[in-house]
Amino acid sequence: MTMAENASDQTPAVTPPVDYRPQPRYGELAPEGWTWTPPQDEPVPAASAAASTTVTPARATRGSAERPASAAPGSVPGTAPAWDRPLTISLLVFGLLGAYFAISMLGSLPQALAMLYSQADLGEYTVTDSVTAIITGGSIGQAVVWVAAAISSILLLLRGRRAFYVPIIGGVVAFVLLVAAVAVVLAGDPALLEYLSQP
């Protein structure tokens, strides 16, 4: 009796048969009662070991599947609203027209001053080098302001951030630059200042 018990204890344990069925993919649920054990004589790949350690619960699977669907495009933090892009582009086009108008106005300033001289009987208006330099600098400044506003706005749009305020700031800077250029030209003409200061 003892020998029979010892003989039964010494019999090697029978290893379960190897299951070659495909493993469930990430997010899939395994059938009930299905378990996968790697073969004893083959190394377990890292991906297989990670997938075989736990089976994803149904609730977690549904949550991960519903998360991308429920996220709206405009609800991500740092994403600009849908109206920002068309408004920014419209302001940039308007700013381009304004820059063209300002450059044209600065270019025609000597003709306007010559006409004012003739109407006020102040003699003949002569364009000095300083006036030419101011007009050239003001025109270049208008172009630089618009290009800087356009580049900044495009970069912000590509990053998904709000950019409508950049053309507005550029327009304010361009207007101040235009007024400053005209004021400097007028301030450098004593005869015209004396005429304009008369009641």
Protein backbone atom coordinates (compact mmCIF):
# COMPACT_ATOMS: atom_id res chain seq x y z
CA MET A 1 0.00 0.00 0.00
CA THR A 2 2.81 2.33 0.83
CA MET A 3 4.70 1.42 -2.30
CA ALA A 4 1.64 2.11 -4.39
CA GLU A 5 1.21 5.54 -2.79
CA ASN A 6 4.91 6.34 -3.30
CA ALA A 7 4.69 5.24 -6.92
CA SER A 8 1.70 7.48 -7.55
CA ASP A 9 3.52 10.42 -5.94
CA GLN A 10 6.59 9.98 -8.12
CA THR A 11 4.70 10.03 -11.43
CA PRO A 12 5.53 13.28 -13.30
CA ALA A 13 2.76 15.82 -13.66
CA VAL A 14 1.18 15.84 -17.06
CA THR A 15 1.74 19.21 -18.80
CA PRO A 16 -1.33 20.68 -20.45
CA PRO A 17 -1.38 20.56 -24.23
CA VAL A 18 -0.05 23.63 -26.02
CA ASP A 19 -2.80 25.89 -27.35
CA TYR A 20 -1.86 27.26 -30.76
CA ARG A 21 -4.97 29.34 -31.21
CA PRO A 22 -4.26 33.04 -31.99
CA GLN A 23 -4.02 35.35 -29.05
CA PRO A 24 -6.69 38.02 -28.62
CA ARG A 25 -5.58 41.42 -29.89
CA TYR A 26 -5.49 44.54 -27.79
CA GLY A 27 -9.03 45.52 -26.94
CA GLU A 28 -10.56 42.18 -27.88
CA LEU A 29 -12.17 39.96 -25.32
CA ALA A 30 -11.09 36.34 -25.01
CA PRO A 31 -13.79 33.64 -24.94
CA GLU A 32 -14.90 32.57 -21.50
CA GLY A 33 -12.60 30.03 -19.98
CA TRP A 34 -9.86 30.61 -22.56
CA THR A 35 -6.35 30.74 -21.21
CA TRP A 36 -3.07 30.83 -23.03
CA THR A 37 0.12 29.41 -21.67
CA PRO A 38 3.36 29.84 -23.58
CA PRO A 39 5.30 26.75 -24.58
CA GLN A 40 7.85 25.69 -22.00
CA ASP A 41 10.71 25.21 -24.42
CA GLU A 42 10.29 28.49 -26.40
CA PRO A 43 11.11 32.01 -25.17
CA VAL A 44 8.13 34.21 -24.59
CA PRO A 45 8.17 37.39 -26.69
CA ALA A 46 7.75 40.62 -24.77
CA ALA A 47 4.57 41.57 -26.64
CA SER A 48 3.04 38.14 -26.05
CA ALA A 49 3.88 38.25 -22.35
CA ALA A 50 2.37 41.69 -21.95
CA ALA A 51 -0.78 40.64 -23.79
CA SER A 52 -1.16 37.38 -21.91
CA THR A 53 -0.77 38.77 -18.40
CA THR A 54 -4.17 40.42 -18.26
CA VAL A 55 -7.28 40.39 -20.38
CA THR A 56 -8.84 43.83 -20.87
CA PRO A 57 -12.22 44.12 -19.16
CA ALA A 58 -15.23 44.96 -21.25
CA ARG A 59 -15.78 48.28 -19.51
CA ALA A 60 -12.21 49.44 -20.12
CA THR A 61 -12.47 48.39 -23.76
CA ARG A 62 -15.65 50.35 -24.26
CA GLY A 63 -14.15 53.38 -22.54
CA SER A 64 -11.05 53.36 -24.74
CA ALA A 65 -13.17 52.97 -27.85
CA GLU A 66 -15.55 55.75 -26.87
CA ARG A 67 -12.88 58.27 -25.88
CA PRO A 68 -11.74 59.31 -29.40
CA ALA A 69 -15.31 59.40 -30.67
CA SER A 70 -16.54 61.65 -27.88
CA ALA A 71 -13.67 64.12 -28.19
CA ALA A 72 -14.80 66.99 -30.37
CA PRO A 73 -12.24 68.72 -32.60
CA GLY A 74 -12.69 72.06 -30.86
CA SER A 75 -12.66 70.66 -27.30
CA VAL A 76 -8.94 69.90 -27.21
CA PRO A 77 -7.12 72.43 -25.02
CA GLY A 78 -5.12 74.94 -27.06
CA THR A 79 -7.18 74.44 -30.22
CA ALA A 80 -8.46 77.60 -31.91
CA PRO A 81 -12.20 77.87 -32.58
CA ALA A 82 -13.51 77.34 -36.08
CA TRP A 83 -14.19 81.03 -36.70
CA ASP A 84 -10.60 82.09 -36.03
CA ARG A 85 -9.08 80.85 -39.30
CA PRO A 86 -11.47 82.62 -41.75
CA LEU A 87 -11.44 85.78 -39.63
CA THR A 88 -7.64 85.85 -39.54
CA ILE A 89 -7.36 85.32 -43.29
CA SER A 90 -9.93 88.06 -43.93
CA LEU A 91 -8.04 90.46 -41.67
CA LEU A 92 -4.78 89.65 -43.45
CA VAL A 93 -6.35 90.39 -46.84
CA PHE A 94 -7.80 93.63 -45.47
CA GLY A 95 -4.39 94.49 -44.01
CA LEU A 96 -2.73 93.85 -47.38
CA LEU A 97 -5.14 96.30 -49.01
CA GLY A 98 -4.48 98.79 -46.21
CA ALA A 99 -0.71 98.45 -46.63
CA TYR A 100 -1.07 99.04 -50.38
CA PHE A 101 -3.19 102.12 -49.71
CA ALA A 102 -0.71 103.46 -47.15
CA ILE A 103 2.27 102.95 -49.46
CA SER A 104 0.38 104.65 -52.30
CA MET A 105 -0.53 107.54 -50.01
CA LEU A 106 3.07 108.00 -48.92
CA GLY A 107 4.22 107.85 -52.54
CA SER A 108 1.75 110.54 -53.59
CA LEU A 109 2.55 112.79 -50.62
CA PRO A 110 4.97 115.04 -52.57
CA GLN A 111 2.34 115.66 -55.26
CA ALA A 112 -0.25 116.48 -52.60
CA LEU A 113 2.12 118.92 -50.93
CA ALA A 114 2.97 120.54 -54.27
CA MET A 115 -0.75 121.02 -54.96
CA LEU A 116 -1.23 122.51 -51.48
CA TYR A 117 1.68 124.89 -52.11
CA SER A 118 0.17 126.09 -55.35
CA GLN A 119 -3.30 126.61 -53.84
CA ALA A 120 -1.88 128.54 -50.87
CA ASP A 121 0.47 130.62 -53.04
CA LEU A 122 3.49 129.42 -51.06
CA GLY A 123 5.69 129.12 -54.12
CA GLU A 124 7.06 125.98 -55.68
CA TYR A 125 7.39 122.88 -53.56
CA THR A 126 10.70 121.06 -53.80
CA VAL A 127 11.13 117.54 -52.49
CA THR A 128 14.13 117.34 -50.19
CA ASP A 129 16.28 114.30 -49.49
CA SER A 130 14.88 114.00 -45.98
CA VAL A 131 11.32 113.83 -47.31
CA THR A 132 12.33 111.14 -49.80
CA ALA A 133 14.03 109.14 -47.04
CA ILE A 134 10.99 109.42 -44.76
CA ILE A 135 8.62 108.31 -47.53
CA THR A 136 10.87 105.40 -48.45
CA GLY A 137 11.29 104.33 -44.83
CA GLY A 138 7.56 104.61 -44.17
CA SER A 139 6.73 102.51 -47.24
CA ILE A 140 9.23 99.82 -46.28
CA GLY A 141 7.88 99.90 -42.73
CA GLN A 142 4.33 99.31 -43.96
CA ALA A 143 5.45 96.28 -45.97
CA VAL A 144 7.53 94.88 -43.09
CA VAL A 145 4.65 95.23 -40.62
CA TRP A 146 2.26 93.37 -42.91
CA VAL A 147 4.75 90.59 -43.67
CA ALA A 148 5.51 90.15 -39.96
CA ALA A 149 1.79 90.00 -39.12
CA ALA A 150 1.15 87.50 -41.93
CA ILE A 151 4.01 85.18 -40.90
CA SER A 152 3.04 85.31 -37.23
CA SER A 153 -0.61 84.61 -38.04
CA ILE A 154 0.22 81.67 -40.31
CA LEU A 155 2.50 80.12 -37.69
CA LEU A 156 -0.21 80.44 -35.04
CA LEU A 157 -2.79 78.93 -37.39
CA LEU A 158 -0.53 75.98 -38.15
CA ARG A 159 -0.12 75.37 -34.42
CA GLY A 160 -3.89 75.48 -33.90
CA ARG A 161 -3.84 78.62 -31.78
CA ARG A 162 -5.86 81.82 -32.06
CA ALA A 163 -4.36 84.33 -34.46
CA PHE A 164 -7.06 86.89 -35.26
CA TYR A 165 -5.53 89.49 -32.96
CA VAL A 166 -2.18 89.55 -34.82
CA PRO A 167 -3.50 91.33 -37.98
CA ILE A 168 -5.36 93.78 -35.73
CA ILE A 169 -2.15 94.66 -33.88
CA GLY A 170 -0.34 94.92 -37.21
CA GLY A 171 -3.01 97.30 -38.52
CA VAL A 172 -2.68 99.54 -35.48
CA VAL A 173 1.11 99.62 -35.81
CA ALA A 174 0.86 100.37 -39.54
CA PHE A 175 -1.59 103.23 -38.93
CA VAL A 176 0.65 104.76 -36.26
CA LEU A 177 3.62 104.44 -38.63
CA LEU A 178 1.70 106.18 -41.43
CA VAL A 179 0.61 109.06 -39.19
CA ALA A 180 4.14 109.43 -37.83
CA ALA A 181 5.66 109.58 -41.33
CA VAL A 182 3.19 112.23 -42.52
CA ALA A 183 3.66 114.24 -39.33
CA VAL A 184 7.45 114.20 -39.69
CA VAL A 185 7.20 115.37 -43.31
CA LEU A 186 4.86 118.20 -42.36
CA ALA A 187 6.93 119.16 -39.34
CA GLY A 188 10.00 119.54 -41.52
CA ASP A 189 8.36 122.22 -43.69
CA PRO A 190 8.25 125.57 -41.84
CA ALA A 191 6.33 127.37 -44.59
CA LEU A 192 3.61 124.77 -44.61
CA LEU A 193 3.39 124.73 -40.82
CA GLU A 194 2.99 128.50 -40.75
CA TYR A 195 0.23 128.30 -43.33
CA LEU A 196 -1.60 125.50 -41.51
CA SER A 197 -1.34 127.32 -38.17
CA GLN A 198 -3.14 130.41 -39.49
CA PRO A 199 -6.80 130.73 -38.41
